[in-house]
Every structure is written in C-alpha cells, then in structure tokens.
C-alpha cells in the first residue's frame, strides 16, 4: 500500500469518526426538542428488555461463579479468605456487570436497531421523512438511544445482583466457604462510589451502543447486503469502543477515588 492510499484511508476513517461524534451531539441536542417520542421510547425499551433480560441473567450466573472461584482459590493461597466476598463484589459490580450488560445491549438490541434503521434507509423511508421536514434523528434515533441507556442501567443492576448471588453460591457450595463470612465482608473493601461508577459506565455504554447502531443503520452501503454488513460493523465497533471506554473510566476512577482499606 502506498503512502497516498494510506493517507486517503486514514482521512476516510477520521471522517467516519467525525460523523459518528456529530450524530452523538445531535442526539443530545435534540433530546430537548418537543415532542419527545414517548411511544417509540416505550416500544424500544420493551423490545430491548425482551431480547436481553434472559441472556443477561444466564450469563451473569457463570460469570459471577468464575470470579468467585478464581478469587476464592487465590485468597486461600495467600491466607486472605476473609476478603473473598468483598473482592468478588468489587469485580462483579465494577467490571463484569456493566461489560456484560453493554455487550448484550449491543449484540442483541443494537443489532436489531441497526437492522431496522438500515431497512428503513434502503426503502427510502428516511429520505421521505427528510423531504417532509421530519428529523429522522429526533423521530427515530433519540428514543432508541435513550431506550438503550435506560435498559442498560436497569439490566446493570439486575446483573450485579445475579452475579453476586452466583458468586456466593459457587464460593459457599463448591469451595466450602463460610456464608456468614462471605456476606459480612461485602463492606470491607467495597464502597458506595463503586456502585456509582458501575452505573456511570452503564449510562455511557448504553449511549455508545445506541449511537453506533443508529449511525451504521443510517449509513448502509450496497442495498440489503449492506444492511447485514452494517449490523456486523456496528457490533464490532461497539465492542471495541466499550472495552476502550471501560479502560479509560476504570483508570480515572482508580486515580480519583481513594481505595478503602481493611
């Protein structure tokens, strides 16, 4: 690949990033325009819940179990069994829960959102709305993005509870841990800001998943096949952005919030 070709591809990538950021700003700006599409918002919330709640619960149980087993084995080796419960809670609430929730929102709800908007685009419904001076972002994108945010926050709480219960079961039943010690150490290392950062992650992850899915759905290329490609691209791009954003937020949180000692 020659340098000019590489430069052209780089500029095209930067242009796509700029358009994606522009869509995110438009969603935030049009949030305050009336009327808010309440019916569309409720329908999208119900749809996302219907396709994500059961998989989220089923994934959270083994995820919490794996974390509890690994931490239980590690704390036993170093003679710190008393902190197994609090360490498991920290791992589940801070990292596992928002990541699991966001991946399911992006993989199930986001892909369906992208496919729906992409099919509307190739059927020229989006162009017809623009011709009638109806903003497709305000009418279709804004309620979908906020539905993804709301459901991501709610599912994050459910996954946290299910993950902690799964960790408790596997630690107590399979590793012979003490139930009272596991429950009593919840507050040994964990603190309220850990819950806040988990919810902040859920809000940002839901926003990113919704905006990326909407952007790729509004910009398919190549007809019906392009819609399928856009769905795949939306899921992959969302996964990459979520892991990068999780790294940034975790780094900032650990630097800003002082850790609680034993």
C-alpha atoms as a PDB file:
ATOM      1  CA  UNK A   1       0.000   0.000   0.000  1.00  0.00           C
ATOM      2  CA  UNK A   2       1.440   3.365  -0.984  1.00  0.00           C
ATOM      3  CA  UNK A   3       1.536   6.378   1.280  1.00  0.00           C
ATOM      4  CA  UNK A   4      -1.187   8.343  -0.572  1.00  0.00           C
ATOM      5  CA  UNK A   5      -3.566   5.390  -0.374  1.00  0.00           C
ATOM      6  CA  UNK A   6      -2.843   5.001   3.328  1.00  0.00           C
ATOM      7  CA  UNK A   7      -3.457   8.715   3.836  1.00  0.00           C
ATOM      8  CA  UNK A   8      -6.763   8.534   1.975  1.00  0.00           C
ATOM      9  CA  UNK A   9      -7.945   5.609   4.105  1.00  0.00           C
ATOM     10  CA  UNK A  10      -6.821   7.432   7.239  1.00  0.00           C
ATOM     11  CA  UNK A  11      -8.770  10.553   6.264  1.00  0.00           C
ATOM     12  CA  UNK A  12     -11.821   8.446   5.479  1.00  0.00           C
ATOM     13  CA  UNK A  13     -11.598   6.841   8.916  1.00  0.00           C
ATOM     14  CA  UNK A  14     -11.306  10.242  10.599  1.00  0.00           C
ATOM     15  CA  UNK A  15     -14.298  11.438   8.592  1.00  0.00           C
ATOM     16  CA  UNK A  16     -16.367   8.487   9.828  1.00  0.00           C
ATOM     17  CA  UNK A  17     -15.333   9.197  13.422  1.00  0.00           C
ATOM     18  CA  UNK A  18     -16.339  12.834  12.982  1.00  0.00           C
ATOM     19  CA  UNK A  19     -19.758  11.861  11.616  1.00  0.00           C
ATOM     20  CA  UNK A  20     -20.277   9.434  14.490  1.00  0.00           C
ATOM     21  CA  UNK A  21     -19.417  12.113  17.052  1.00  0.00           C
ATOM     22  CA  UNK A  22     -21.683  14.545  15.227  1.00  0.00           C
ATOM     23  CA  UNK A  23     -24.584  12.107  15.484  1.00  0.00           C
ATOM     24  CA  UNK A  24     -23.953  11.729  19.207  1.00  0.00           C
ATOM     25  CA  UNK A  25     -24.058  15.512  19.646  1.00  0.00           C
ATOM     26  CA  UNK A  26     -27.236  15.712  17.571  1.00  0.00           C
ATOM     27  CA  UNK A  27     -28.888  13.104  19.786  1.00  0.00           C
ATOM     28  CA  UNK A  28     -28.019  15.111  22.891  1.00  0.00           C
ATOM     29  CA  UNK A  29     -29.139  18.385  21.286  1.00  0.00           C
ATOM     30  CA  UNK A  30     -32.448  17.015  20.002  1.00  0.00           C
ATOM     31  CA  UNK A  31     -33.255  15.462  23.368  1.00  0.00           C
ATOM     32  CA  UNK A  32     -34.779  18.757  24.466  1.00  0.00           C
ATOM     33  CA  UNK A  33     -36.895  19.232  21.330  1.00  0.00           C
ATOM     34  CA  UNK A  34     -40.585  18.649  21.809  1.00  0.00           C
ATOM     35  CA  UNK A  35     -42.473  16.470  21.435  1.00  0.00           C
ATOM     36  CA  UNK A  36     -40.435  13.604  22.813  1.00  0.00           C
ATOM     37  CA  UNK A  37     -41.392  10.320  21.132  1.00  0.00           C
ATOM     38  CA  UNK A  38     -42.710   8.584  24.254  1.00  0.00           C
ATOM     39  CA  UNK A  39     -44.494   5.759  22.435  1.00  0.00           C
ATOM     40  CA  UNK A  40     -41.423   4.909  20.366  1.00  0.00           C
ATOM     41  CA  UNK A  41     -39.283   5.052  23.508  1.00  0.00           C
ATOM     42  CA  UNK A  42     -41.548   2.645  25.409  1.00  0.00           C
ATOM     43  CA  UNK A  43     -41.722   0.234  22.480  1.00  0.00           C
ATOM     44  CA  UNK A  44     -37.946   0.197  22.117  1.00  0.00           C
ATOM     45  CA  UNK A  45     -37.472  -0.313  25.865  1.00  0.00           C
ATOM     46  CA  UNK A  46     -39.815  -3.292  25.814  1.00  0.00           C
ATOM     47  CA  UNK A  47     -38.124  -4.782  22.766  1.00  0.00           C
ATOM     48  CA  UNK A  48     -34.616  -4.441  24.214  1.00  0.00           C
ATOM     49  CA  UNK A  49     -35.734  -5.944  27.525  1.00  0.00           C
ATOM     50  CA  UNK A  50     -37.409  -8.878  25.783  1.00  0.00           C
ATOM     51  CA  UNK A  51     -34.248  -9.856  23.910  1.00  0.00           C
ATOM     52  CA  UNK A  52     -31.666  -9.190  26.648  1.00  0.00           C
ATOM     53  CA  UNK A  53     -33.049  -9.904  30.113  1.00  0.00           C
ATOM     54  CA  UNK A  54     -32.872 -13.709  29.994  1.00  0.00           C
ATOM     55  CA  UNK A  55     -29.432 -13.898  28.317  1.00  0.00           C
ATOM     56  CA  UNK A  56     -28.124 -11.305  30.792  1.00  0.00           C
ATOM     57  CA  UNK A  57     -29.242 -13.378  33.770  1.00  0.00           C
ATOM     58  CA  UNK A  58     -27.887 -16.605  32.274  1.00  0.00           C
ATOM     59  CA  UNK A  59     -24.511 -15.024  31.512  1.00  0.00           C
ATOM     60  CA  UNK A  60     -24.244 -13.309  34.907  1.00  0.00           C
ATOM     61  CA  UNK A  61     -24.512 -16.563  36.896  1.00  0.00           C
ATOM     62  CA  UNK A  62     -21.462 -18.372  35.445  1.00  0.00           C
ATOM     63  CA  UNK A  63     -19.545 -15.093  35.199  1.00  0.00           C
ATOM     64  CA  UNK A  64     -20.035 -14.420  38.905  1.00  0.00           C
ATOM     65  CA  UNK A  65     -19.230 -18.044  39.637  1.00  0.00           C
ATOM     66  CA  UNK A  66     -15.941 -17.953  37.728  1.00  0.00           C
ATOM     67  CA  UNK A  67     -14.898 -14.756  39.503  1.00  0.00           C
ATOM     68  CA  UNK A  68     -15.777 -16.201  42.910  1.00  0.00           C
ATOM     69  CA  UNK A  69     -13.948 -19.477  42.236  1.00  0.00           C
ATOM     70  CA  UNK A  70     -10.832 -17.734  40.959  1.00  0.00           C
ATOM     71  CA  UNK A  71     -10.707 -15.216  43.784  1.00  0.00           C
ATOM     72  CA  UNK A  72     -11.554 -17.869  46.346  1.00  0.00           C
ATOM     73  CA  UNK A  73      -8.653 -20.008  45.171  1.00  0.00           C
ATOM     74  CA  UNK A  74      -6.298 -17.021  45.163  1.00  0.00           C
ATOM     75  CA  UNK A  75      -7.291 -15.722  48.610  1.00  0.00           C
ATOM     76  CA  UNK A  76      -6.939 -19.230  50.031  1.00  0.00           C
ATOM     77  CA  UNK A  77      -3.383 -19.437  48.724  1.00  0.00           C
ATOM     78  CA  UNK A  78      -2.369 -16.184  50.386  1.00  0.00           C
ATOM     79  CA  UNK A  79      -4.419 -16.754  53.558  1.00  0.00           C
ATOM     80  CA  UNK A  80      -6.953 -13.992  52.962  1.00  0.00           C
ATOM     81  CA  UNK A  81     -10.208 -15.921  52.772  1.00  0.00           C
ATOM     82  CA  UNK A  82     -11.925 -13.188  54.780  1.00  0.00           C
ATOM     83  CA  UNK A  83     -11.888 -10.790  51.803  1.00  0.00           C
ATOM     84  CA  UNK A  84     -13.293 -13.206  49.219  1.00  0.00           C
ATOM     85  CA  UNK A  85     -16.790 -11.732  49.414  1.00  0.00           C
ATOM     86  CA  UNK A  86     -15.756  -8.095  49.077  1.00  0.00           C
ATOM     87  CA  UNK A  87     -13.278  -8.854  46.276  1.00  0.00           C
ATOM     88  CA  UNK A  88     -15.956 -10.742  44.347  1.00  0.00           C
ATOM     89  CA  UNK A  89     -18.423  -7.912  44.795  1.00  0.00           C
ATOM     90  CA  UNK A  90     -15.870  -5.378  43.549  1.00  0.00           C
ATOM     91  CA  UNK A  91     -15.052  -7.447  40.465  1.00  0.00           C
ATOM     92  CA  UNK A  92     -18.706  -8.096  39.598  1.00  0.00           C
ATOM     93  CA  UNK A  93     -20.061  -4.594  40.215  1.00  0.00           C
ATOM     94  CA  UNK A  94     -17.179  -2.547  38.820  1.00  0.00           C
ATOM     95  CA  UNK A  95     -16.196  -4.611  35.796  1.00  0.00           C
ATOM     96  CA  UNK A  96     -18.286  -7.659  34.976  1.00  0.00           C
ATOM     97  CA  UNK A  97     -21.790  -6.242  35.327  1.00  0.00           C
ATOM     98  CA  UNK A  98     -21.527  -3.150  33.066  1.00  0.00           C
ATOM     99  CA  UNK A  99     -19.488  -5.046  30.472  1.00  0.00           C
ATOM    100  CA  UNK A 100     -21.925  -7.977  30.306  1.00  0.00           C
ATOM    101  CA  UNK A 101     -24.897  -5.623  30.092  1.00  0.00           C
ATOM    102  CA  UNK A 102     -23.353  -3.439  27.399  1.00  0.00           C
ATOM    103  CA  UNK A 103     -22.263  -6.380  25.256  1.00  0.00           C
ATOM    104  CA  UNK A 104     -25.760  -7.854  25.337  1.00  0.00           C
ATOM    105  CA  UNK A 105     -27.356  -4.468  24.617  1.00  0.00           C
ATOM    106  CA  UNK A 106     -25.008  -4.001  21.650  1.00  0.00           C
ATOM    107  CA  UNK A 107     -25.202  -7.579  20.400  1.00  0.00           C
ATOM    108  CA  UNK A 108     -28.959  -8.111  20.692  1.00  0.00           C
ATOM    109  CA  UNK A 109     -30.682  -4.730  20.933  1.00  0.00           C
ATOM    110  CA  UNK A 110     -28.116  -2.729  18.946  1.00  0.00           C
ATOM    111  CA  UNK A 111     -28.000  -5.160  16.043  1.00  0.00           C
ATOM    112  CA  UNK A 112     -31.801  -5.137  15.779  1.00  0.00           C
ATOM    113  CA  UNK A 113     -31.809  -1.335  15.983  1.00  0.00           C
ATOM    114  CA  UNK A 114     -29.205  -1.112  13.235  1.00  0.00           C
ATOM    115  CA  UNK A 115     -31.091  -3.557  11.004  1.00  0.00           C
ATOM    116  CA  UNK A 116     -34.376  -1.678  11.489  1.00  0.00           C
ATOM    117  CA  UNK A 117     -32.889   1.720  10.618  1.00  0.00           C
ATOM    118  CA  UNK A 118     -30.909   0.226   7.733  1.00  0.00           C
ATOM    119  CA  UNK A 119     -34.012  -1.339   6.206  1.00  0.00           C
ATOM    120  CA  UNK A 120     -35.825   1.976   6.531  1.00  0.00           C
ATOM    121  CA  UNK A 121     -32.919   3.683   4.787  1.00  0.00           C
ATOM    122  CA  UNK A 122     -32.803   1.359   1.782  1.00  0.00           C
ATOM    123  CA  UNK A 123     -36.610   1.600   1.465  1.00  0.00           C
ATOM    124  CA  UNK A 124     -36.091   5.383   1.313  1.00  0.00           C
ATOM    125  CA  UNK A 125     -38.297   5.991   4.354  1.00  0.00           C
ATOM    126  CA  UNK A 126     -35.547   8.111   5.920  1.00  0.00           C
ATOM    127  CA  UNK A 127     -35.299  10.231   2.758  1.00  0.00           C
ATOM    128  CA  UNK A 128     -39.079  10.645   2.718  1.00  0.00           C
ATOM    129  CA  UNK A 129     -39.048  11.877   6.326  1.00  0.00           C
ATOM    130  CA  UNK A 130     -36.354  14.413   5.486  1.00  0.00           C
ATOM    131  CA  UNK A 131     -38.364  15.564   2.463  1.00  0.00           C
ATOM    132  CA  UNK A 132     -41.334  16.172   4.776  1.00  0.00           C
ATOM    133  CA  UNK A 133     -39.094  18.195   7.134  1.00  0.00           C
ATOM    134  CA  UNK A 134     -39.297  15.496   9.811  1.00  0.00           C
ATOM    135  CA  UNK A 135     -35.972  14.879  11.521  1.00  0.00           C
ATOM    136  CA  UNK A 136     -35.238  11.117  11.467  1.00  0.00           C
ATOM    137  CA  UNK A 137     -32.751  11.600  14.287  1.00  0.00           C
ATOM    138  CA  UNK A 138     -35.379  13.205  16.527  1.00  0.00           C
ATOM    139  CA  UNK A 139     -38.138  10.828  15.474  1.00  0.00           C
ATOM    140  CA  UNK A 140     -36.256   7.513  15.365  1.00  0.00           C
ATOM    141  CA  UNK A 141     -32.745   7.747  16.785  1.00  0.00           C
ATOM    142  CA  UNK A 142     -33.267   9.723  20.012  1.00  0.00           C
ATOM    143  CA  UNK A 143     -35.887   7.379  21.562  1.00  0.00           C
ATOM    144  CA  UNK A 144     -33.813   4.323  20.587  1.00  0.00           C
ATOM    145  CA  UNK A 145     -30.625   5.693  22.129  1.00  0.00           C
ATOM    146  CA  UNK A 146     -32.332   6.623  25.378  1.00  0.00           C
ATOM    147  CA  UNK A 147     -34.106   3.274  25.483  1.00  0.00           C
ATOM    148  CA  UNK A 148     -30.683   1.612  25.256  1.00  0.00           C
ATOM    149  CA  UNK A 149     -29.400   3.813  28.098  1.00  0.00           C
ATOM    150  CA  UNK A 150     -32.346   3.158  30.413  1.00  0.00           C
ATOM    151  CA  UNK A 151     -32.385  -0.595  29.856  1.00  0.00           C
ATOM    152  CA  UNK A 152     -28.599  -0.767  30.196  1.00  0.00           C
ATOM    153  CA  UNK A 153     -28.811   0.899  33.615  1.00  0.00           C
ATOM    154  CA  UNK A 154     -31.644  -1.353  34.790  1.00  0.00           C
ATOM    155  CA  UNK A 155     -30.030  -4.528  33.478  1.00  0.00           C
ATOM    156  CA  UNK A 156     -26.763  -3.494  35.105  1.00  0.00           C
ATOM    157  CA  UNK A 157     -28.463  -3.592  38.494  1.00  0.00           C
ATOM    158  CA  UNK A 158     -30.032  -6.966  37.790  1.00  0.00           C
ATOM    159  CA  UNK A 159     -26.759  -8.457  36.520  1.00  0.00           C
ATOM    160  CA  UNK A 160     -24.944  -7.143  39.602  1.00  0.00           C
ATOM    161  CA  UNK A 161     -27.395  -8.881  41.926  1.00  0.00           C
ATOM    162  CA  UNK A 162     -27.425 -12.129  39.944  1.00  0.00           C
ATOM    163  CA  UNK A 163     -23.634 -12.122  39.624  1.00  0.00           C
ATOM    164  CA  UNK A 164     -23.121 -11.595  43.350  1.00  0.00           C
ATOM    165  CA  UNK A 165     -25.620 -14.362  44.162  1.00  0.00           C
ATOM    166  CA  UNK A 166     -23.894 -16.679  41.683  1.00  0.00           C
ATOM    167  CA  UNK A 167     -20.532 -15.913  43.267  1.00  0.00           C
ATOM    168  CA  UNK A 168     -21.965 -16.595  46.715  1.00  0.00           C
ATOM    169  CA  UNK A 169     -23.371 -19.958  45.631  1.00  0.00           C
ATOM    170  CA  UNK A 170     -20.188 -21.175  43.964  1.00  0.00           C
ATOM    171  CA  UNK A 171     -17.937 -19.962  46.780  1.00  0.00           C
ATOM    172  CA  UNK A 172     -20.024 -21.457  49.557  1.00  0.00           C
ATOM    173  CA  UNK A 173     -21.122 -24.681  47.864  1.00  0.00           C
ATOM    174  CA  UNK A 174     -18.117 -25.642  45.739  1.00  0.00           C
ATOM    175  CA  UNK A 175     -15.276 -24.168  47.773  1.00  0.00           C
ATOM    176  CA  UNK A 176     -16.674 -24.702  51.236  1.00  0.00           C
ATOM    177  CA  UNK A 177     -16.671 -21.037  52.150  1.00  0.00           C
ATOM    178  CA  UNK A 178     -18.486 -19.678  55.176  1.00  0.00           C
ATOM    179  CA  UNK A 179     -21.789 -17.973  54.261  1.00  0.00           C
ATOM    180  CA  UNK A 180     -21.586 -15.508  57.129  1.00  0.00           C
ATOM    181  CA  UNK A 181     -18.021 -14.503  56.303  1.00  0.00           C
ATOM    182  CA  UNK A 182     -18.857 -14.038  52.615  1.00  0.00           C
ATOM    183  CA  UNK A 183     -21.783 -11.755  53.409  1.00  0.00           C
ATOM    184  CA  UNK A 184     -20.082  -9.907  56.264  1.00  0.00           C
ATOM    185  CA  UNK A 185     -17.133  -8.830  54.101  1.00  0.00           C
ATOM    186  CA  UNK A 186     -19.250  -7.045  51.479  1.00  0.00           C
ATOM    187  CA  UNK A 187     -18.412  -3.701  53.030  1.00  0.00           C
ATOM    188  CA  UNK A 188     -14.769  -4.495  53.843  1.00  0.00           C
ATOM    189  CA  UNK A 189     -13.381  -3.229  50.543  1.00  0.00           C
ATOM    190  CA  UNK A 190     -16.470  -2.178  48.595  1.00  0.00           C
ATOM    191  CA  UNK A 191     -17.880   1.334  48.931  1.00  0.00           C
ATOM    192  CA  UNK A 192     -20.697   3.415  47.501  1.00  0.00           C
ATOM    193  CA  UNK A 193     -18.596   5.023  44.696  1.00  0.00           C
ATOM    194  CA  UNK A 194     -18.075   1.515  43.287  1.00  0.00           C
ATOM    195  CA  UNK A 195     -21.799   1.351  42.607  1.00  0.00           C
ATOM    196  CA  UNK A 196     -21.817   4.846  41.129  1.00  0.00           C
ATOM    197  CA  UNK A 197     -19.005   4.098  38.672  1.00  0.00           C
ATOM    198  CA  UNK A 198     -20.858   0.954  37.625  1.00  0.00           C
ATOM    199  CA  UNK A 199     -23.996   2.955  36.825  1.00  0.00           C
ATOM    200  CA  UNK A 200     -21.987   5.684  35.076  1.00  0.00           C
ATOM    201  CA  UNK A 201     -20.384   3.012  32.914  1.00  0.00           C
ATOM    202  CA  UNK A 202     -23.822   1.586  32.128  1.00  0.00           C
ATOM    203  CA  UNK A 203     -25.112   5.013  31.030  1.00  0.00           C
ATOM    204  CA  UNK A 204     -22.116   5.713  28.789  1.00  0.00           C
ATOM    205  CA  UNK A 205     -22.027   2.175  27.392  1.00  0.00           C
ATOM    206  CA  UNK A 206     -25.726   2.312  26.543  1.00  0.00           C
ATOM    207  CA  UNK A 207     -25.250   5.685  24.840  1.00  0.00           C
ATOM    208  CA  UNK A 208     -22.299   4.431  22.781  1.00  0.00           C
ATOM    209  CA  UNK A 209     -24.119   1.237  21.777  1.00  0.00           C
ATOM    210  CA  UNK A 210     -27.202   3.166  20.701  1.00  0.00           C
ATOM    211  CA  UNK A 211     -25.338   5.856  18.758  1.00  0.00           C
ATOM    212  CA  UNK A 212     -23.071   3.403  16.915  1.00  0.00           C
ATOM    213  CA  UNK A 213     -26.013   1.169  15.974  1.00  0.00           C
ATOM    214  CA  UNK A 214     -28.008   4.174  14.755  1.00  0.00           C
ATOM    215  CA  UNK A 215     -25.088   5.579  12.777  1.00  0.00           C
ATOM    216  CA  UNK A 216     -24.364   2.353  10.944  1.00  0.00           C
ATOM    217  CA  UNK A 217     -28.088   1.798  10.364  1.00  0.00           C
ATOM    218  CA  UNK A 218     -28.477   5.226   8.796  1.00  0.00           C
ATOM    219  CA  UNK A 219     -25.459   4.723   6.528  1.00  0.00           C
ATOM    220  CA  UNK A 220     -25.688   1.288   4.866  1.00  0.00           C
ATOM    221  CA  UNK A 221     -23.906   0.671   1.595  1.00  0.00           C
ATOM    222  CA  UNK A 222     -24.876  -1.731  -1.145  1.00  0.00           C
ATOM    223  CA  UNK A 223     -28.559  -2.428  -0.630  1.00  0.00           C
ATOM    224  CA  UNK A 224     -29.855  -5.287   1.547  1.00  0.00           C
ATOM    225  CA  UNK A 225     -26.406  -6.876   1.756  1.00  0.00           C
ATOM    226  CA  UNK A 226     -25.093  -3.550   3.011  1.00  0.00           C
ATOM    227  CA  UNK A 227     -27.577  -3.675   5.890  1.00  0.00           C
ATOM    228  CA  UNK A 228     -26.159  -7.008   7.039  1.00  0.00           C
ATOM    229  CA  UNK A 229     -22.631  -5.654   6.761  1.00  0.00           C
ATOM    230  CA  UNK A 230     -23.659  -2.558   8.718  1.00  0.00           C
ATOM    231  CA  UNK A 231     -25.050  -4.725  11.528  1.00  0.00           C
ATOM    232  CA  UNK A 232     -21.802  -6.683  11.784  1.00  0.00           C
ATOM    233  CA  UNK A 233     -19.747  -3.491  11.709  1.00  0.00           C
ATOM    234  CA  UNK A 234     -21.930  -1.882  14.384  1.00  0.00           C
ATOM    235  CA  UNK A 235     -21.448  -4.806  16.780  1.00  0.00           C
ATOM    236  CA  UNK A 236     -17.680  -4.976  16.251  1.00  0.00           C
ATOM    237  CA  UNK A 237     -17.173  -1.213  16.525  1.00  0.00           C
ATOM    238  CA  UNK A 238     -19.315  -1.055  19.657  1.00  0.00           C
ATOM    239  CA  UNK A 239     -17.353  -3.863  21.328  1.00  0.00           C
ATOM    240  CA  UNK A 240     -14.046  -2.123  20.620  1.00  0.00           C
ATOM    241  CA  UNK A 241     -15.293   1.241  21.875  1.00  0.00           C
ATOM    242  CA  UNK A 242     -16.793  -0.298  25.011  1.00  0.00           C
ATOM    243  CA  UNK A 243     -13.576  -2.022  26.043  1.00  0.00           C
ATOM    244  CA  UNK A 244     -11.551   1.126  25.378  1.00  0.00           C
ATOM    245  CA  UNK A 245     -14.030   3.305  27.268  1.00  0.00           C
ATOM    246  CA  UNK A 246     -14.069   0.834  30.158  1.00  0.00           C
ATOM    247  CA  UNK A 247     -10.270   1.039  30.370  1.00  0.00           C
ATOM    248  CA  UNK A 248     -10.349   4.854  30.428  1.00  0.00           C
ATOM    249  CA  UNK A 249     -13.118   5.085  33.041  1.00  0.00           C
ATOM    250  CA  UNK A 250     -11.511   2.467  35.286  1.00  0.00           C
ATOM    251  CA  UNK A 251      -8.146   4.223  35.111  1.00  0.00           C
ATOM    252  CA  UNK A 252      -9.669   7.599  36.005  1.00  0.00           C
ATOM    253  CA  UNK A 253     -11.750   6.094  38.816  1.00  0.00           C
ATOM    254  CA  UNK A 254      -8.820   4.323  40.445  1.00  0.00           C
ATOM    255  CA  UNK A 255      -6.784   7.524  40.317  1.00  0.00           C
ATOM    256  CA  UNK A 256      -9.516   9.818  41.653  1.00  0.00           C
ATOM    257  CA  UNK A 257     -11.369   7.744  44.266  1.00  0.00           C
ATOM    258  CA  UNK A 258      -9.283   6.617  47.266  1.00  0.00           C
ATOM    259  CA  UNK A 259      -9.480   2.930  47.979  1.00  0.00           C
ATOM    260  CA  UNK A 260     -10.990   1.650  51.189  1.00  0.00           C
ATOM    261  CA  UNK A 261      -8.612  -0.255  53.466  1.00  0.00           C
ATOM    262  CA  UNK A 262      -9.289  -3.226  55.674  1.00  0.00           C
END
